[in-house]
Amino acid sequence: MANKQRKLILQTIETMLEFQLRGVRQAIGREEEDDRDFVARPRSRKRKSLVVICSEILTERKHAVHVDELVEILRDEYGRVTDRDSLSSALAKKSNQGILVHRSAPATFEAIE
């Protein structure tokens, strides 16, 4: 368990540093393609958004799930850390648009069939 947590923390730090580096390069007007001394690590497939992953989880579960449980599932099964309020807000936005999910109770969502 400790090894899994360590890996998650290191991946989170790595992602934060990548975003910071990208921001610095944009601020000084330098694009990554022009940086020949920087060796970019090969990127894996594009990451899914948290909303898309939650939609998949809700589709698999076939019942309404509270945001607190979704946050735990995202952390434990997908290695993705998110803020409860941010996730709830994003899912509520999709629910209001009638896309992907439906709010069945406060902070509780289910997949649209």
Protein backbone atom coordinates (compact mmCIF):
# COMPACT_ATOMS: atom_id res chain seq x y z
CA MET A 1 0.00 0.00 0.00
CA ALA A 2 2.80 2.44 0.87
CA ASN A 3 4.46 1.80 -2.50
CA LYS A 4 1.18 2.56 -4.29
CA GLN A 5 0.80 5.83 -2.36
CA ARG A 6 4.42 6.78 -3.05
CA LYS A 7 3.92 6.19 -6.77
CA LEU A 8 0.75 8.27 -6.77
CA ILE A 9 2.49 11.15 -4.98
CA LEU A 10 5.44 11.05 -7.38
CA GLN A 11 3.13 10.99 -10.42
CA THR A 12 1.24 13.97 -9.05
CA ILE A 13 4.48 15.91 -8.50
CA GLU A 14 5.66 14.99 -12.00
CA THR A 15 2.44 16.29 -13.54
CA MET A 16 2.64 19.52 -11.56
CA LEU A 17 6.23 20.09 -12.68
CA GLU A 18 5.34 19.44 -16.33
CA PHE A 19 2.59 22.07 -16.16
CA GLN A 20 4.93 24.53 -14.44
CA LEU A 21 7.63 24.00 -17.08
CA ARG A 22 5.09 24.47 -19.88
CA GLY A 23 3.91 27.71 -18.23
CA VAL A 24 7.45 29.05 -17.91
CA ARG A 25 8.19 28.24 -21.55
CA GLN A 26 5.02 30.00 -22.67
CA ALA A 27 5.87 33.04 -20.52
CA ILE A 28 9.29 33.43 -22.13
CA GLY A 29 7.90 32.71 -25.58
CA ARG A 30 9.71 29.47 -26.17
CA GLU A 31 7.89 26.46 -27.54
CA GLU A 32 8.88 22.89 -26.63
CA GLU A 33 9.66 22.05 -30.27
CA ASP A 34 12.38 24.74 -30.31
CA ASP A 35 14.07 23.35 -27.21
CA ARG A 36 16.65 20.98 -28.68
CA ASP A 37 18.50 20.29 -25.42
CA PHE A 38 15.32 19.06 -23.79
CA VAL A 39 14.60 15.38 -24.33
CA ALA A 40 10.88 14.86 -24.04
CA ARG A 41 9.81 11.55 -22.64
CA PRO A 42 7.45 9.66 -24.89
CA ARG A 43 3.85 10.32 -24.00
CA SER A 44 1.47 7.48 -23.46
CA ARG A 45 -2.08 7.59 -24.72
CA LYS A 46 -4.06 10.69 -23.94
CA ARG A 47 -5.48 10.80 -20.42
CA LYS A 48 -9.21 10.73 -20.01
CA SER A 49 -10.90 13.55 -18.16
CA LEU A 50 -12.23 12.86 -14.68
CA VAL A 51 -15.78 13.46 -15.92
CA VAL A 52 -15.39 10.83 -18.65
CA ILE A 53 -13.92 8.34 -16.17
CA CYS A 54 -16.77 9.02 -13.73
CA SER A 55 -19.26 8.49 -16.53
CA GLU A 56 -17.66 5.11 -17.26
CA ILE A 57 -17.73 4.19 -13.57
CA LEU A 58 -21.41 5.12 -13.32
CA THR A 59 -22.22 3.15 -16.46
CA GLU A 60 -20.46 0.07 -15.05
CA ARG A 61 -22.13 0.38 -11.64
CA LYS A 62 -25.63 0.89 -13.11
CA HIS A 63 -26.75 2.81 -10.02
CA ALA A 64 -26.34 6.26 -8.50
CA VAL A 65 -23.04 6.94 -6.73
CA HIS A 66 -22.24 9.76 -4.28
CA VAL A 67 -19.35 12.10 -5.14
CA ASP A 68 -17.39 11.02 -2.04
CA GLU A 69 -17.42 7.43 -3.29
CA LEU A 70 -16.42 8.56 -6.80
CA VAL A 71 -13.43 10.42 -5.35
CA GLU A 72 -12.34 7.24 -3.53
CA ILE A 73 -12.78 5.10 -6.65
CA LEU A 74 -10.78 7.57 -8.75
CA ARG A 75 -7.97 7.56 -6.19
CA ASP A 76 -7.89 3.82 -5.46
CA GLU A 77 -8.60 2.32 -8.89
CA TYR A 78 -7.34 4.99 -11.30
CA GLY A 79 -4.61 6.75 -9.32
CA ARG A 80 -6.31 10.11 -9.97
CA VAL A 81 -6.59 12.62 -7.14
CA THR A 82 -9.30 15.24 -7.28
CA ASP A 83 -11.11 17.67 -5.06
CA ARG A 84 -14.61 16.59 -4.09
CA ASP A 85 -16.16 20.01 -4.74
CA SER A 86 -14.49 20.39 -8.15
CA LEU A 87 -15.67 16.97 -9.26
CA SER A 88 -19.19 17.61 -7.99
CA SER A 89 -19.28 20.93 -9.83
CA ALA A 90 -18.05 19.39 -13.10
CA LEU A 91 -20.59 16.56 -12.89
CA ALA A 92 -23.40 19.00 -12.00
CA LYS A 93 -22.52 21.07 -15.05
CA LYS A 94 -22.78 18.02 -17.31
CA SER A 95 -26.02 17.03 -15.60
CA ASN A 96 -27.50 20.49 -16.19
CA GLN A 97 -26.52 20.22 -19.86
CA GLY A 98 -28.07 16.76 -20.05
CA ILE A 99 -24.75 15.20 -21.03
CA LEU A 100 -23.28 11.91 -19.67
CA VAL A 101 -24.75 12.01 -16.15
CA HIS A 102 -27.95 12.77 -14.25
CA ARG A 103 -28.12 14.12 -10.70
CA SER A 104 -30.44 11.79 -8.76
CA ALA A 105 -29.91 13.43 -5.35
CA PRO A 106 -27.63 16.12 -3.91
CA ALA A 107 -24.01 15.21 -4.82
CA THR A 108 -25.21 11.87 -6.21
CA PHE A 109 -25.04 11.03 -9.88
CA GLU A 110 -25.94 8.22 -12.27
CA ALA A 111 -25.21 7.58 -15.93
CA ILE A 112 -27.68 8.68 -18.57
CA GLU A 113 -28.95 5.66 -20.47
